[in-house]
Amino acid sequence: MSIQVIVTEKEILDTPNYLELGRLVNNRYWQARRDSEGPRFDDEHFGMTIDENGMVTSIIRPDDHEECVLCGKKTPYVKSTHVDYRQGYVEGAGQLCSDCYNK
């Protein structure tokens, strides 16, 4: 991946020192990288669709939920959820749905 950061001559001349200029370039780089990678959706981050009145019309959640290793049913846990915060996770086997875990 290649990201191009553009700094104008005016910005260079108006920046008081090299430290501030470095911060400007660094911030531009990370913003461009976030823009190119798109939004991050996991169990802690989600997207929203907002109408012209500022009202939330829908919530976009990730669809990369773990599947039960026995029956294949989707579990309520996103793959990025740490195993310490899950119920039904068996170390060495994987995630189980509540039905399979309670058998």
N, C-alpha and C. Protein backbone atom coordinates (compact mmCIF):
# COMPACT_ATOMS: atom_id res chain seq x y z
N MET A 1 0.85 -1.17 0.00
CA MET A 1 0.00 0.00 0.00
C MET A 1 0.90 1.23 0.00
N SER A 2 0.58 2.16 -0.86
CA SER A 2 1.36 3.39 -0.94
C SER A 2 0.43 4.57 -0.69
N ILE A 3 0.83 5.43 0.23
CA ILE A 3 0.04 6.61 0.56
C ILE A 3 0.88 7.84 0.28
N GLN A 4 0.28 8.78 -0.43
CA GLN A 4 0.98 10.01 -0.75
C GLN A 4 0.45 11.13 0.15
N VAL A 5 1.35 11.82 0.83
CA VAL A 5 0.98 12.93 1.70
C VAL A 5 1.46 14.21 1.03
N ILE A 6 0.56 15.16 0.87
CA ILE A 6 0.90 16.42 0.21
C ILE A 6 0.90 17.55 1.24
N VAL A 7 1.98 18.30 1.25
CA VAL A 7 2.11 19.47 2.13
C VAL A 7 2.43 20.65 1.22
N THR A 8 1.67 21.71 1.36
CA THR A 8 1.88 22.87 0.49
C THR A 8 3.05 23.72 0.98
N GLU A 9 3.54 24.56 0.10
CA GLU A 9 4.63 25.47 0.46
C GLU A 9 4.19 26.42 1.56
N LYS A 10 2.96 26.89 1.49
CA LYS A 10 2.43 27.79 2.51
C LYS A 10 2.41 27.10 3.88
N GLU A 11 2.01 25.83 3.92
CA GLU A 11 2.00 25.10 5.18
C GLU A 11 3.41 24.94 5.75
N ILE A 12 4.37 24.69 4.87
CA ILE A 12 5.75 24.57 5.32
C ILE A 12 6.25 25.88 5.90
N LEU A 13 5.98 26.99 5.20
CA LEU A 13 6.46 28.30 5.66
C LEU A 13 5.72 28.77 6.90
N ASP A 14 4.44 28.39 7.03
CA ASP A 14 3.64 28.82 8.19
C ASP A 14 3.85 27.96 9.43
N THR A 15 4.51 26.82 9.28
CA THR A 15 4.73 25.93 10.42
C THR A 15 5.94 26.43 11.19
N PRO A 16 5.81 26.63 12.50
CA PRO A 16 6.88 27.27 13.27
C PRO A 16 8.17 26.46 13.39
N ASN A 17 8.08 25.12 13.38
CA ASN A 17 9.31 24.33 13.53
C ASN A 17 9.11 22.95 12.91
N TYR A 18 10.21 22.19 12.84
CA TYR A 18 10.15 20.88 12.21
C TYR A 18 9.31 19.88 13.00
N LEU A 19 9.24 20.03 14.30
CA LEU A 19 8.41 19.14 15.10
C LEU A 19 6.95 19.29 14.71
N GLU A 20 6.48 20.51 14.60
CA GLU A 20 5.09 20.77 14.20
C GLU A 20 4.83 20.31 12.77
N LEU A 21 5.82 20.51 11.90
CA LEU A 21 5.68 20.05 10.50
C LEU A 21 5.60 18.52 10.47
N GLY A 22 6.39 17.85 11.28
CA GLY A 22 6.32 16.40 11.38
C GLY A 22 4.97 15.91 11.87
N ARG A 23 4.42 16.62 12.85
CA ARG A 23 3.08 16.27 13.34
C ARG A 23 2.03 16.43 12.25
N LEU A 24 2.14 17.50 11.48
CA LEU A 24 1.20 17.75 10.39
C LEU A 24 1.26 16.61 9.37
N VAL A 25 2.46 16.22 8.96
CA VAL A 25 2.62 15.14 7.99
C VAL A 25 2.14 13.82 8.57
N ASN A 26 2.50 13.54 9.82
CA ASN A 26 2.07 12.31 10.48
C ASN A 26 0.55 12.22 10.56
N ASN A 27 -0.11 13.29 10.96
CA ASN A 27 -1.57 13.30 11.05
C ASN A 27 -2.21 13.08 9.68
N ARG A 28 -1.65 13.71 8.66
CA ARG A 28 -2.18 13.53 7.31
C ARG A 28 -2.02 12.09 6.84
N TYR A 29 -0.88 11.49 7.16
CA TYR A 29 -0.64 10.09 6.77
C TYR A 29 -1.69 9.18 7.41
N TRP A 30 -1.86 9.29 8.73
CA TRP A 30 -2.79 8.39 9.41
C TRP A 30 -4.22 8.63 8.98
N GLN A 31 -4.59 9.87 8.70
CA GLN A 31 -5.95 10.12 8.21
C GLN A 31 -6.15 9.49 6.84
N ALA A 32 -5.15 9.63 5.96
CA ALA A 32 -5.24 9.01 4.62
C ALA A 32 -5.30 7.49 4.74
N ARG A 33 -4.56 6.93 5.67
CA ARG A 33 -4.60 5.47 5.85
C ARG A 33 -5.96 5.02 6.34
N ARG A 34 -6.53 5.73 7.31
CA ARG A 34 -7.88 5.39 7.79
C ARG A 34 -8.90 5.52 6.67
N ASP A 35 -8.76 6.55 5.86
CA ASP A 35 -9.69 6.74 4.75
C ASP A 35 -9.58 5.61 3.73
N SER A 36 -8.35 5.14 3.46
CA SER A 36 -8.18 4.09 2.46
C SER A 36 -8.62 2.73 2.98
N GLU A 37 -8.48 2.48 4.27
CA GLU A 37 -8.87 1.19 4.84
C GLU A 37 -10.36 1.09 5.07
N GLY A 38 -11.03 2.19 5.15
CA GLY A 38 -12.47 2.16 5.40
C GLY A 38 -12.75 2.05 6.89
N PRO A 39 -14.02 2.01 7.23
CA PRO A 39 -14.39 1.99 8.65
C PRO A 39 -14.04 0.66 9.31
N ARG A 40 -13.75 0.73 10.58
CA ARG A 40 -13.45 -0.45 11.38
C ARG A 40 -14.72 -0.86 12.11
N PHE A 41 -15.20 -2.06 11.80
CA PHE A 41 -16.39 -2.56 12.47
C PHE A 41 -16.03 -3.82 13.23
N ASP A 42 -16.23 -3.83 14.53
CA ASP A 42 -16.06 -5.01 15.35
C ASP A 42 -17.04 -4.90 16.50
N ASP A 43 -16.82 -5.64 17.56
CA ASP A 43 -17.77 -5.61 18.65
C ASP A 43 -17.76 -4.31 19.45
N GLU A 44 -16.76 -3.46 19.23
CA GLU A 44 -16.69 -2.19 19.92
C GLU A 44 -16.94 -0.99 19.02
N HIS A 45 -16.92 -1.20 17.71
CA HIS A 45 -17.10 -0.12 16.75
C HIS A 45 -18.18 -0.51 15.76
N PHE A 46 -19.02 0.44 15.39
CA PHE A 46 -20.07 0.15 14.43
C PHE A 46 -20.37 1.42 13.65
N GLY A 47 -21.03 1.26 12.53
CA GLY A 47 -21.38 2.39 11.70
C GLY A 47 -22.84 2.77 11.89
N MET A 48 -23.18 4.01 11.55
CA MET A 48 -24.56 4.46 11.63
C MET A 48 -24.92 5.20 10.36
N THR A 49 -26.15 5.05 9.95
CA THR A 49 -26.68 5.84 8.85
C THR A 49 -27.52 6.94 9.49
N ILE A 50 -27.20 8.19 9.14
CA ILE A 50 -27.88 9.33 9.75
C ILE A 50 -28.59 10.12 8.66
N ASP A 51 -29.86 10.46 8.89
CA ASP A 51 -30.62 11.20 7.88
C ASP A 51 -30.31 12.69 7.96
N GLU A 52 -30.93 13.47 7.08
CA GLU A 52 -30.65 14.91 7.00
C GLU A 52 -31.06 15.68 8.25
N ASN A 53 -31.91 15.08 9.10
CA ASN A 53 -32.33 15.73 10.34
C ASN A 53 -31.43 15.35 11.52
N GLY A 54 -30.41 14.55 11.24
CA GLY A 54 -29.50 14.14 12.30
C GLY A 54 -29.98 12.93 13.08
N MET A 55 -31.01 12.26 12.61
CA MET A 55 -31.55 11.09 13.30
C MET A 55 -30.89 9.82 12.77
N VAL A 56 -30.58 8.89 13.66
CA VAL A 56 -30.00 7.61 13.26
C VAL A 56 -31.10 6.76 12.63
N THR A 57 -30.88 6.33 11.39
CA THR A 57 -31.88 5.52 10.70
C THR A 57 -31.52 4.04 10.70
N SER A 58 -30.24 3.70 10.83
CA SER A 58 -29.85 2.30 10.94
C SER A 58 -28.46 2.21 11.55
N ILE A 59 -28.20 1.05 12.12
CA ILE A 59 -26.90 0.76 12.71
C ILE A 59 -26.28 -0.36 11.91
N ILE A 60 -25.03 -0.18 11.50
CA ILE A 60 -24.31 -1.17 10.71
C ILE A 60 -23.39 -1.94 11.64
N ARG A 61 -23.66 -3.21 11.76
CA ARG A 61 -22.85 -4.06 12.64
C ARG A 61 -22.10 -5.08 11.79
N PRO A 62 -20.99 -5.57 12.29
CA PRO A 62 -20.23 -6.55 11.52
C PRO A 62 -20.99 -7.87 11.38
N ASP A 63 -20.70 -8.59 10.33
CA ASP A 63 -21.33 -9.89 10.13
C ASP A 63 -20.27 -10.98 10.12
N ASP A 64 -19.28 -10.86 10.96
CA ASP A 64 -18.24 -11.88 11.04
C ASP A 64 -18.30 -12.58 12.39
N HIS A 65 -19.49 -13.08 12.71
CA HIS A 65 -19.69 -13.78 13.97
C HIS A 65 -19.07 -15.17 13.92
N GLU A 66 -18.63 -15.62 15.08
CA GLU A 66 -18.11 -16.98 15.21
C GLU A 66 -19.24 -17.96 14.96
N GLU A 67 -18.88 -19.12 14.43
CA GLU A 67 -19.83 -20.20 14.25
C GLU A 67 -19.50 -21.30 15.23
N CYS A 68 -20.51 -22.01 15.67
CA CYS A 68 -20.34 -23.13 16.58
C CYS A 68 -19.52 -24.21 15.88
N VAL A 69 -18.49 -24.72 16.56
CA VAL A 69 -17.63 -25.72 15.95
C VAL A 69 -18.32 -27.08 15.84
N LEU A 70 -19.44 -27.28 16.54
CA LEU A 70 -20.17 -28.55 16.46
C LEU A 70 -21.30 -28.52 15.45
N CYS A 71 -22.19 -27.52 15.57
CA CYS A 71 -23.38 -27.51 14.70
C CYS A 71 -23.32 -26.48 13.58
N GLY A 72 -22.40 -25.52 13.65
CA GLY A 72 -22.27 -24.52 12.59
C GLY A 72 -23.17 -23.31 12.74
N LYS A 73 -23.98 -23.27 13.80
CA LYS A 73 -24.88 -22.14 14.02
C LYS A 73 -24.08 -20.90 14.41
N LYS A 74 -24.54 -19.72 13.97
CA LYS A 74 -23.85 -18.48 14.35
C LYS A 74 -24.02 -18.22 15.84
N THR A 75 -22.94 -17.75 16.45
CA THR A 75 -22.98 -17.40 17.87
C THR A 75 -23.12 -15.88 17.99
N PRO A 76 -23.40 -15.37 19.18
CA PRO A 76 -23.53 -13.91 19.33
C PRO A 76 -22.19 -13.18 19.40
N TYR A 77 -21.07 -13.90 19.24
CA TYR A 77 -19.76 -13.29 19.41
C TYR A 77 -19.08 -13.00 18.08
N VAL A 78 -18.58 -11.78 17.96
CA VAL A 78 -17.79 -11.39 16.81
C VAL A 78 -16.39 -11.97 16.99
N LYS A 79 -15.72 -12.28 15.89
CA LYS A 79 -14.41 -12.93 15.96
C LYS A 79 -13.39 -12.13 16.76
N SER A 80 -13.54 -10.82 16.81
CA SER A 80 -12.58 -9.99 17.54
C SER A 80 -12.84 -9.94 19.04
N THR A 81 -13.94 -10.55 19.52
CA THR A 81 -14.21 -10.58 20.96
C THR A 81 -13.21 -11.52 21.64
N HIS A 82 -12.51 -11.02 22.64
CA HIS A 82 -11.52 -11.84 23.34
C HIS A 82 -12.22 -13.02 24.02
N VAL A 83 -11.54 -14.16 24.06
CA VAL A 83 -12.15 -15.38 24.60
C VAL A 83 -12.51 -15.25 26.08
N ASP A 84 -11.85 -14.38 26.80
CA ASP A 84 -12.18 -14.20 28.22
C ASP A 84 -13.55 -13.57 28.41
N TYR A 85 -14.10 -12.95 27.38
CA TYR A 85 -15.40 -12.28 27.47
C TYR A 85 -16.51 -13.07 26.79
N ARG A 86 -16.28 -14.34 26.51
CA ARG A 86 -17.27 -15.18 25.84
C ARG A 86 -17.76 -16.27 26.77
N GLN A 87 -18.96 -16.74 26.51
CA GLN A 87 -19.46 -17.94 27.16
C GLN A 87 -19.49 -19.02 26.09
N GLY A 88 -19.11 -20.22 26.44
CA GLY A 88 -19.16 -21.33 25.50
C GLY A 88 -17.89 -21.52 24.69
N TYR A 89 -16.81 -20.81 25.03
CA TYR A 89 -15.56 -21.01 24.32
C TYR A 89 -14.78 -22.11 25.01
N VAL A 90 -14.36 -23.11 24.22
CA VAL A 90 -13.59 -24.22 24.76
C VAL A 90 -12.18 -24.13 24.18
N GLU A 91 -11.21 -23.93 25.05
CA GLU A 91 -9.83 -23.79 24.59
C GLU A 91 -9.37 -25.08 23.90
N GLY A 92 -8.79 -24.92 22.74
CA GLY A 92 -8.34 -26.06 21.96
C GLY A 92 -9.39 -26.57 20.98
N ALA A 93 -10.64 -26.18 21.18
CA ALA A 93 -11.72 -26.62 20.28
C ALA A 93 -12.30 -25.43 19.53
N GLY A 94 -12.70 -24.41 20.27
CA GLY A 94 -13.28 -23.23 19.66
C GLY A 94 -14.58 -22.82 20.31
N GLN A 95 -15.35 -22.02 19.58
CA GLN A 95 -16.59 -21.44 20.10
C GLN A 95 -17.75 -22.40 19.90
N LEU A 96 -18.55 -22.56 20.95
CA LEU A 96 -19.78 -23.36 20.88
C LEU A 96 -20.98 -22.44 21.06
N CYS A 97 -22.08 -22.80 20.42
CA CYS A 97 -23.34 -22.06 20.65
C CYS A 97 -23.85 -22.46 22.04
N SER A 98 -24.83 -21.77 22.55
CA SER A 98 -25.31 -22.05 23.91
C SER A 98 -25.96 -23.43 23.98
N ASP A 99 -26.64 -23.88 22.92
CA ASP A 99 -27.26 -25.21 22.94
C ASP A 99 -26.21 -26.32 23.07
N CYS A 100 -25.17 -26.26 22.22
CA CYS A 100 -24.11 -27.28 22.26
C CYS A 100 -23.31 -27.21 23.55
N TYR A 101 -23.09 -26.02 24.07
CA TYR A 101 -22.30 -25.85 25.30
C TYR A 101 -23.05 -26.42 26.50
N ASN A 102 -24.38 -26.30 26.51
CA ASN A 102 -25.18 -26.76 27.64
C ASN A 102 -25.53 -28.25 27.58
N LYS A 103 -25.15 -28.95 26.51
CA LYS A 103 -25.43 -30.39 26.41
C LYS A 103 -24.53 -31.18 27.32
